[in-house]
Amino acid sequence: MCDIAPFRALRPKAAFAEKVSAPPYDVLNSEEAREKAQGNPYSFLHVTKPEIDLPANVHPYSNIVYEKAGENIRSLRNQGVLIREETPCYYIYRLGMDGRTQTGLVCVSSIRDYEADLIKKHEFTRPEKEKDRISHISISGAQTGNVFLTYHEVAEMDVLVAAWISSTEPVYDFTAEDGIGHAVWVVDDPETVDRITGIFSDQVPCTYIADGHHRAASAAKVKSALGADAGPEADYFLTTLFPANQLRIMDYNRVVRDLNGLSPDGLLTSLEQDFKVSESRNPVSPSALHEFGMYLAGKWYVLSSKEGTYTTDPIGVLDVSILSDNVLDKLLGISDQRVDKRIDFVGGIRGLGELERRVDSGEMAVAFSFYPVSIRQLFDIADSGNVMPPKSTWFEPKLRDGLLTHLIRE
């Protein structure tokens, strides 16, 4: 069963919450972060993307960057912008987007559970991304990135959360510049805290990583590297747990830098071996499984998988596997998406226009759009002990960085 715990969050005073809160570190590049944080000295991007406060020629993975993160955390605390909770608490976090809400529990989850696969994974991590988070956590002393977990819903927990929200006021409640609402409640009643811990230890056999594989893996490796020097805080990592029936998965699309020696016409001809290919006058957002959109040389195409060109096992039937096997590896020579620099991943929240932009600019040669993976598929893969190809799922809305941070040392 699941070992979760309350924690003493480092969080902004209410008056600063909206200014401190920032998009997750991994949805912005350095230039975008620098622009978004401009004129806002309280933005948590100064902590999660601290290269924005250093000369542009400084490598974002150099130690000076991570040292700057720690320096910026201390500065925000010294200014009274960030405060540390006096006693361990749970937190309820409600997100609102496009007329729908989802509500989760912010807590710390056990590294031991992660290592024992009671926190189930569905993706491999990319080495350079993992190394970045390891350095950030170990040097700054803070887990700033929240790992997004999901679990099979429990009626007792749903009732408890609804009762707490209806009977108490949130400490934060604002709508960010992107239109997404964020509300946070502090759960500080000792009896309620104990009850929540008991629900998860008695009724939730496992949780699943929805978003944050690199953050989770990095927290575990930092704990291992610290060894005997690790304090009790390092035994846990920052998580938010959402019931599965509240979640929405969006498409996670691909762009590829070159065609591996093929011409556009040559790629189209080669694709016909495994797909029915038809040109589209409009951008293609696939409407069913085993259908893909492709943007190539200024035109959109629909790729429909032919029967018999993929397997029906839990991994082979996934659209990310079909494209990986029959296009990326077979035709474009990309055999390991975790390390190949010729491929990049574009979350569905950015829209199909972002795929067009990156191809039309000449940065990329071709883009592929997907039909989203389902929660059921994610659970099936994780329960079977298998993993999906990298960057298979994109969850929206996303938690903001900076509202709740877990310190592994002062």
Protein backbone atom coordinates (compact mmCIF):
# COMPACT_ATOMS: atom_id res chain seq x y z
CA MET A 1 0.00 0.00 0.00
CA CYS A 2 1.04 3.62 -0.52
CA ASP A 3 3.30 5.48 1.87
CA ILE A 4 2.54 9.19 1.63
CA ALA A 5 3.18 11.89 4.21
CA PRO A 6 2.38 15.53 5.01
CA PHE A 7 5.27 17.97 4.74
CA ARG A 8 6.36 21.48 5.67
CA ALA A 9 5.97 23.21 2.33
CA LEU A 10 8.00 26.22 1.32
CA ARG A 11 5.34 28.44 -0.20
CA PRO A 12 4.60 32.09 -0.99
CA LYS A 13 2.72 34.41 1.27
CA ALA A 14 -0.77 34.82 -0.15
CA ALA A 15 -0.09 38.34 -1.44
CA PHE A 16 2.75 37.02 -3.62
CA ALA A 17 1.25 33.71 -4.78
CA GLU A 18 0.23 34.74 -8.29
CA LYS A 19 3.52 36.55 -8.94
CA VAL A 20 5.61 33.66 -7.63
CA SER A 21 3.74 30.90 -9.46
CA ALA A 22 5.27 29.89 -12.77
CA PRO A 23 4.73 27.36 -15.55
CA PRO A 24 6.58 24.05 -15.07
CA TYR A 25 10.28 24.35 -15.82
CA ASP A 26 10.13 21.83 -18.68
CA VAL A 27 7.47 23.54 -20.82
CA LEU A 28 9.63 26.62 -21.49
CA ASN A 29 13.05 27.01 -23.03
CA SER A 30 15.51 29.50 -21.57
CA GLU A 31 14.53 32.32 -23.94
CA GLU A 32 10.82 31.87 -23.24
CA ALA A 33 11.48 31.78 -19.49
CA ARG A 34 13.58 34.92 -19.63
CA GLU A 35 10.82 36.76 -21.46
CA LYS A 36 8.05 35.50 -19.15
CA ALA A 37 9.93 36.46 -15.97
CA GLN A 38 10.95 39.89 -17.24
CA GLY A 39 9.91 42.59 -14.79
CA ASN A 40 8.84 40.07 -12.13
CA PRO A 41 11.61 39.47 -9.57
CA TYR A 42 9.31 37.10 -7.64
CA SER A 43 8.70 34.64 -10.48
CA PHE A 44 9.71 31.11 -9.53
CA LEU A 45 11.34 30.86 -12.94
CA HIS A 46 14.32 32.54 -11.25
CA VAL A 47 14.58 29.29 -9.27
CA THR A 48 13.57 26.66 -11.83
CA LYS A 49 15.26 28.31 -14.84
CA PRO A 50 17.98 30.32 -13.05
CA GLU A 51 20.05 30.67 -16.20
CA ILE A 52 17.77 33.62 -16.99
CA ASP A 53 19.69 35.61 -14.35
CA LEU A 54 23.10 34.76 -15.83
CA PRO A 55 24.86 35.76 -19.06
CA ALA A 56 23.34 34.15 -22.16
CA ASN A 57 26.54 32.24 -22.89
CA VAL A 58 26.37 30.27 -19.62
CA HIS A 59 25.42 26.64 -20.28
CA PRO A 60 22.03 25.88 -18.65
CA TYR A 61 23.42 22.66 -17.13
CA SER A 62 26.52 24.18 -15.50
CA ASN A 63 26.93 24.17 -11.72
CA ILE A 64 26.78 27.95 -11.53
CA VAL A 65 23.17 27.73 -12.75
CA TYR A 66 22.12 25.35 -9.97
CA GLU A 67 23.98 27.43 -7.39
CA LYS A 68 22.02 30.44 -8.64
CA ALA A 69 18.80 28.50 -8.02
CA GLY A 70 19.73 28.02 -4.36
CA GLU A 71 20.77 31.65 -4.07
CA ASN A 72 17.43 32.80 -5.50
CA ILE A 73 15.46 30.58 -3.10
CA ARG A 74 17.34 32.08 -0.16
CA SER A 75 16.73 35.58 -1.47
CA LEU A 76 12.97 35.04 -1.76
CA ARG A 77 12.91 33.66 1.79
CA ASN A 78 14.97 36.54 3.15
CA GLN A 79 12.58 39.01 1.52
CA GLY A 80 9.64 37.30 3.21
CA VAL A 81 8.14 36.29 -0.14
CA LEU A 82 8.46 32.56 0.62
CA ILE A 83 7.65 31.08 4.03
CA ARG A 84 8.12 27.60 5.50
CA GLU A 85 5.08 25.86 7.01
CA GLU A 86 5.44 25.46 10.79
CA THR A 87 4.04 21.91 10.91
CA PRO A 88 3.67 19.13 8.31
CA CYS A 89 0.45 19.52 6.32
CA TYR A 90 -1.33 18.11 3.33
CA TYR A 91 -2.55 20.48 0.61
CA ILE A 92 -5.50 20.28 -1.74
CA TYR A 93 -4.86 21.72 -5.21
CA ARG A 94 -7.72 22.43 -7.62
CA LEU A 95 -7.06 23.23 -11.27
CA GLY A 96 -9.65 24.74 -13.61
CA MET A 97 -9.47 24.81 -17.40
CA ASP A 98 -12.08 25.23 -20.14
CA GLY A 99 -14.98 24.85 -17.72
CA ARG A 100 -13.74 21.66 -16.04
CA THR A 101 -11.87 21.16 -12.77
CA GLN A 102 -9.65 18.49 -11.27
CA THR A 103 -8.64 18.31 -7.62
CA GLY A 104 -5.64 16.53 -6.16
CA LEU A 105 -3.75 15.99 -2.93
CA VAL A 106 -0.28 17.53 -2.61
CA CYS A 107 1.95 15.42 -0.39
CA VAL A 108 5.33 13.74 -0.38
CA SER A 109 5.57 10.16 -1.60
CA SER A 110 8.08 7.55 -0.50
CA ILE A 111 11.29 6.99 -2.45
CA ARG A 112 11.07 3.41 -1.19
CA ASP A 113 7.68 3.02 -2.92
CA TYR A 114 9.21 4.38 -6.13
CA GLU A 115 12.06 1.89 -5.99
CA ALA A 116 9.65 -0.99 -5.18
CA ASP A 117 7.39 -0.11 -8.14
CA LEU A 118 4.46 0.78 -5.91
CA ILE A 119 4.74 4.03 -7.82
CA LYS A 120 4.41 2.69 -11.35
CA LYS A 121 6.17 4.09 -14.39
CA HIS A 122 5.18 4.01 -18.03
CA GLU A 123 8.16 5.76 -19.66
CA PHE A 124 11.92 5.56 -19.69
CA THR A 125 13.75 8.77 -18.85
CA ARG A 126 16.18 10.73 -21.00
CA PRO A 127 19.68 10.78 -19.43
CA GLU A 128 20.43 14.48 -19.96
CA LYS A 129 17.08 15.54 -18.49
CA GLU A 130 17.58 13.30 -15.48
CA LYS A 131 21.09 14.65 -14.86
CA ASP A 132 19.74 18.21 -14.96
CA ARG A 133 17.16 17.52 -12.23
CA ILE A 134 19.66 15.59 -10.10
CA SER A 135 22.00 18.58 -10.12
CA HIS A 136 19.18 21.04 -9.48
CA ILE A 137 17.85 19.14 -6.44
CA SER A 138 21.21 18.24 -4.90
CA ILE A 139 22.75 21.72 -5.24
CA SER A 140 19.67 23.85 -4.50
CA GLY A 141 18.44 21.54 -1.72
CA ALA A 142 14.88 21.76 -3.01
CA GLN A 143 12.45 19.64 -4.98
CA THR A 144 10.82 22.41 -6.97
CA GLY A 145 9.13 20.22 -9.58
CA ASN A 146 5.90 18.47 -8.61
CA VAL A 147 5.49 14.87 -9.81
CA PHE A 148 1.95 14.33 -11.10
CA LEU A 149 0.60 10.97 -9.88
CA THR A 150 -2.76 9.32 -10.44
CA TYR A 151 -4.61 6.47 -8.73
CA HIS A 152 -7.85 4.53 -8.95
CA GLU A 153 -10.38 6.79 -7.26
CA VAL A 154 -11.44 6.09 -3.65
CA ALA A 155 -14.89 7.26 -2.57
CA GLU A 156 -13.83 8.07 1.00
CA MET A 157 -11.05 10.34 -0.25
CA ASP A 158 -13.38 12.09 -2.69
CA VAL A 159 -15.85 12.82 0.13
CA LEU A 160 -13.09 14.08 2.45
CA VAL A 161 -11.69 16.46 -0.18
CA ALA A 162 -15.12 17.82 -1.06
CA ALA A 163 -15.93 18.40 2.63
CA TRP A 164 -12.66 20.23 3.29
CA ILE A 165 -13.09 22.49 0.26
CA SER A 166 -16.66 23.36 1.22
CA SER A 167 -15.84 24.16 4.85
CA THR A 168 -12.55 26.08 4.58
CA GLU A 169 -11.12 28.94 2.55
CA PRO A 170 -8.26 28.45 0.09
CA VAL A 171 -4.96 30.16 0.85
CA TYR A 172 -4.53 30.83 -2.87
CA ASP A 173 -7.18 31.28 -5.54
CA PHE A 174 -6.28 32.98 -8.80
CA THR A 175 -6.42 32.62 -12.57
CA ALA A 176 -3.04 32.64 -14.29
CA GLU A 177 -2.29 34.54 -17.47
CA ASP A 178 -3.05 31.46 -19.56
CA GLY A 179 -6.61 31.28 -18.21
CA ILE A 180 -6.05 28.28 -15.93
CA GLY A 181 -7.42 28.58 -12.40
CA HIS A 182 -5.37 27.55 -9.37
CA ALA A 183 -6.72 27.15 -5.85
CA VAL A 184 -4.86 25.66 -2.86
CA TRP A 185 -6.16 24.68 0.57
CA VAL A 186 -3.95 23.86 3.58
CA VAL A 187 -5.04 20.70 5.44
CA ASP A 188 -3.61 21.24 8.92
CA ASP A 189 -6.11 19.46 11.17
CA PRO A 190 -4.19 16.55 12.80
CA GLU A 191 -7.14 14.15 12.70
CA THR A 192 -7.77 14.85 9.01
CA VAL A 193 -4.07 14.51 8.23
CA ASP A 194 -4.00 11.10 9.93
CA ARG A 195 -7.18 10.04 8.12
CA ILE A 196 -5.69 10.91 4.71
CA THR A 197 -2.51 8.99 5.49
CA GLY A 198 -4.64 6.01 6.52
CA ILE A 199 -6.80 6.07 3.38
CA PHE A 200 -3.75 5.73 1.17
CA SER A 201 -2.03 3.14 3.35
CA ASP A 202 -5.22 1.02 3.55
CA GLN A 203 -7.06 1.55 0.25
CA VAL A 204 -4.59 2.58 -2.45
CA PRO A 205 -2.30 -0.31 -3.44
CA CYS A 206 -0.26 1.75 -5.92
CA THR A 207 -0.04 5.05 -7.75
CA TYR A 208 0.99 5.80 -11.34
CA ILE A 209 3.26 8.53 -12.67
CA ALA A 210 1.24 10.60 -15.08
CA ASP A 211 3.80 13.37 -15.58
CA GLY A 212 7.23 13.80 -14.02
CA HIS A 213 9.25 10.64 -14.65
CA HIS A 214 12.50 12.63 -14.70
CA ARG A 215 11.67 14.46 -11.46
CA ALA A 216 10.84 11.20 -9.68
CA ALA A 217 13.90 9.34 -10.95
CA SER A 218 16.14 12.25 -10.03
CA ALA A 219 14.77 12.49 -6.49
CA ALA A 220 15.49 8.79 -5.98
CA LYS A 221 19.04 9.11 -7.30
CA VAL A 222 19.74 12.14 -5.14
CA LYS A 223 18.62 10.17 -2.08
CA SER A 224 20.92 7.29 -3.08
CA ALA A 225 23.87 9.60 -3.74
CA LEU A 226 23.51 11.35 -0.38
CA GLY A 227 23.61 8.03 1.46
CA ALA A 228 24.17 8.49 5.18
CA ASP A 229 24.24 12.28 4.73
CA ALA A 230 20.58 12.31 3.64
CA GLY A 231 18.09 13.68 6.14
CA PRO A 232 14.58 12.23 6.55
CA GLU A 233 13.17 14.78 4.09
CA ALA A 234 15.15 13.14 1.26
CA ASP A 235 13.28 9.86 1.83
CA TYR A 236 10.26 11.44 0.11
CA PHE A 237 9.61 13.49 -3.00
CA LEU A 238 7.04 16.14 -3.94
CA THR A 239 3.88 14.74 -5.58
CA THR A 240 0.28 15.62 -6.33
CA LEU A 241 -2.18 12.71 -6.53
CA PHE A 242 -5.27 13.00 -8.73
CA PRO A 243 -8.08 10.43 -9.02
CA ALA A 244 -7.95 8.90 -12.49
CA ASN A 245 -11.54 9.82 -13.37
CA GLN A 246 -10.68 13.53 -13.22
CA LEU A 247 -7.79 13.52 -15.67
CA ARG A 248 -7.47 14.52 -19.29
CA ILE A 249 -4.63 13.39 -21.55
CA MET A 250 -3.75 15.40 -24.64
CA ASP A 251 -1.72 14.41 -27.67
CA TYR A 252 2.09 14.53 -27.50
CA ASN A 253 3.40 15.20 -30.98
CA ARG A 254 6.76 14.78 -32.74
CA VAL A 255 8.94 16.90 -35.01
CA VAL A 256 11.98 15.50 -36.83
CA ARG A 257 14.95 17.51 -38.04
CA ASP A 258 15.70 15.71 -41.34
CA LEU A 259 14.33 12.95 -43.56
CA ASN A 260 17.32 10.60 -43.27
CA GLY A 261 18.32 11.11 -46.88
CA LEU A 262 14.80 10.79 -48.30
CA SER A 263 13.08 13.45 -50.37
CA PRO A 264 9.54 14.48 -49.37
CA ASP A 265 8.17 12.46 -52.28
CA GLY A 266 10.38 9.55 -51.31
CA LEU A 267 9.03 9.60 -47.76
CA LEU A 268 5.43 9.68 -49.02
CA THR A 269 6.09 6.70 -51.28
CA SER A 270 7.78 4.74 -48.48
CA LEU A 271 4.91 5.43 -46.08
CA GLU A 272 2.43 3.74 -48.41
CA GLN A 273 3.85 0.35 -47.44
CA ASP A 274 2.31 0.60 -43.94
CA PHE A 275 -0.23 3.42 -44.21
CA LYS A 276 -3.03 4.70 -46.37
CA VAL A 277 -1.83 8.22 -47.20
CA SER A 278 -4.20 11.03 -48.18
CA GLU A 279 -3.64 14.76 -48.46
CA SER A 280 -5.73 17.08 -46.27
CA ARG A 281 -6.69 20.68 -46.89
CA ASN A 282 -6.79 21.33 -43.15
CA PRO A 283 -4.42 20.67 -40.24
CA VAL A 284 -4.91 17.10 -39.04
CA SER A 285 -5.88 16.35 -35.45
CA PRO A 286 -6.45 12.57 -35.61
CA SER A 287 -9.99 11.48 -34.77
CA ALA A 288 -9.31 7.82 -33.94
CA LEU A 289 -6.63 5.40 -32.85
CA HIS A 290 -4.07 4.30 -35.47
CA GLU A 291 -4.54 7.53 -37.43
CA PHE A 292 -1.84 10.20 -37.63
CA GLY A 293 -1.40 13.67 -39.03
CA MET A 294 1.76 14.55 -40.92
CA TYR A 295 2.96 18.01 -41.94
CA LEU A 296 5.55 17.83 -44.73
CA ALA A 297 6.74 20.45 -47.23
CA GLY A 298 3.86 22.81 -46.46
CA LYS A 299 1.10 20.19 -46.72
CA TRP A 300 -0.92 18.12 -44.24
CA TYR A 301 -1.57 14.42 -44.74
CA VAL A 302 -3.63 11.77 -42.96
CA LEU A 303 -1.79 8.51 -42.31
CA SER A 304 -4.08 5.57 -41.54
CA SER A 305 -2.37 2.37 -40.39
CA LYS A 306 -3.03 -0.67 -42.54
CA GLU A 307 -4.19 -3.87 -40.86
CA GLY A 308 -1.38 -6.27 -40.09
CA THR A 309 1.30 -3.59 -39.83
CA TYR A 310 1.36 -3.56 -36.03
CA THR A 311 0.99 -6.03 -33.19
CA THR A 312 -1.92 -6.16 -30.73
CA ASP A 313 0.05 -6.55 -27.49
CA PRO A 314 -0.25 -3.69 -24.94
CA ILE A 315 2.85 -1.92 -26.29
CA GLY A 316 2.66 -2.67 -30.00
CA VAL A 317 -0.93 -1.46 -30.33
CA LEU A 318 -0.09 2.02 -29.05
CA ASP A 319 0.01 4.73 -31.68
CA VAL A 320 3.33 5.98 -30.33
CA SER A 321 4.74 2.48 -30.94
CA ILE A 322 3.24 2.23 -34.43
CA LEU A 323 4.79 5.52 -35.51
CA SER A 324 8.06 4.64 -33.80
CA ASP A 325 8.33 1.23 -35.47
CA ASN A 326 6.95 2.00 -38.92
CA VAL A 327 8.19 5.56 -39.46
CA LEU A 328 10.74 6.91 -37.00
CA ASP A 329 12.93 3.80 -36.84
CA LYS A 330 12.15 2.12 -40.15
CA LEU A 331 12.29 5.18 -42.42
CA LEU A 332 13.91 8.04 -40.52
CA GLY A 333 16.60 6.12 -38.66
CA ILE A 334 15.60 7.18 -35.15
CA SER A 335 15.94 4.04 -33.04
CA ASP A 336 16.19 5.60 -29.57
CA GLN A 337 14.00 8.65 -29.04
CA ARG A 338 15.47 9.22 -25.58
CA VAL A 339 18.89 10.23 -26.88
CA ASP A 340 18.53 11.06 -30.59
CA LYS A 341 18.95 14.81 -31.12
CA ARG A 342 17.09 14.71 -34.44
CA ILE A 343 13.69 14.39 -32.75
CA ASP A 344 11.80 16.75 -30.46
CA PHE A 345 8.44 16.53 -28.69
CA VAL A 346 5.62 19.10 -28.76
CA GLY A 347 2.80 19.01 -26.21
CA GLY A 348 -0.69 19.18 -27.64
CA ILE A 349 -1.46 22.35 -25.67
CA ARG A 350 0.76 24.22 -28.12
CA GLY A 351 -1.54 23.36 -30.99
CA LEU A 352 -0.97 22.20 -34.54
CA GLY A 353 0.24 25.68 -35.46
CA GLU A 354 3.42 25.03 -33.48
CA LEU A 355 4.12 21.97 -35.65
CA GLU A 356 3.64 24.04 -38.79
CA ARG A 357 5.85 26.82 -37.45
CA ARG A 358 8.77 24.54 -36.67
CA VAL A 359 8.65 22.89 -40.09
CA ASP A 360 8.01 26.08 -42.08
CA SER A 361 10.94 27.79 -40.32
CA GLY A 362 13.31 25.13 -41.66
CA GLU A 363 14.25 24.00 -38.15
CA MET A 364 12.45 20.69 -38.69
CA ALA A 365 11.64 18.70 -41.82
CA VAL A 366 8.47 16.89 -40.81
CA ALA A 367 5.91 16.83 -37.98
CA PHE A 368 3.49 14.15 -36.77
CA SER A 369 0.31 14.65 -34.74
CA PHE A 370 -1.28 11.94 -32.57
CA TYR A 371 -4.54 10.73 -31.14
CA PRO A 372 -4.16 10.90 -27.31
CA VAL A 373 -3.31 7.88 -25.17
CA SER A 374 -6.11 6.94 -22.74
CA ILE A 375 -5.82 6.57 -18.96
CA ARG A 376 -6.84 2.92 -19.39
CA GLN A 377 -3.91 2.35 -21.76
CA LEU A 378 -1.53 4.05 -19.32
CA PHE A 379 -2.68 1.82 -16.45
CA ASP A 380 -2.49 -1.32 -18.59
CA ILE A 381 1.07 -0.57 -19.67
CA ALA A 382 2.26 0.27 -16.17
CA ASP A 383 0.52 -2.75 -14.62
CA SER A 384 2.13 -5.06 -17.18
CA GLY A 385 5.60 -3.78 -16.24
CA ASN A 386 6.16 -2.37 -19.71
CA VAL A 387 6.99 1.17 -20.76
CA MET A 388 5.75 3.37 -23.57
CA PRO A 389 8.06 5.15 -25.98
CA PRO A 390 9.30 8.45 -24.49
CA LYS A 391 6.94 11.43 -24.26
CA SER A 392 3.75 9.49 -24.92
CA THR A 393 1.35 11.46 -22.72
CA TRP A 394 0.69 15.17 -22.20
CA PHE A 395 -1.55 16.14 -19.31
CA GLU A 396 -3.41 19.44 -19.05
CA PRO A 397 -3.90 21.53 -17.05
CA LYS A 398 -0.52 21.55 -15.37
CA LEU A 399 0.45 22.42 -11.81
CA ARG A 400 2.30 25.69 -11.29
CA ASP A 401 5.83 25.65 -9.92
CA GLY A 402 6.54 27.71 -6.82
CA LEU A 403 3.27 27.37 -4.93
CA LEU A 404 4.48 24.33 -2.94
CA THR A 405 8.12 23.25 -2.71
CA HIS A 406 9.69 20.39 -0.73
CA LEU A 407 13.03 21.15 0.91
CA ILE A 408 15.36 18.20 1.45
CA ARG A 409 17.63 20.42 3.52
CA GLU A 410 17.55 23.96 4.91
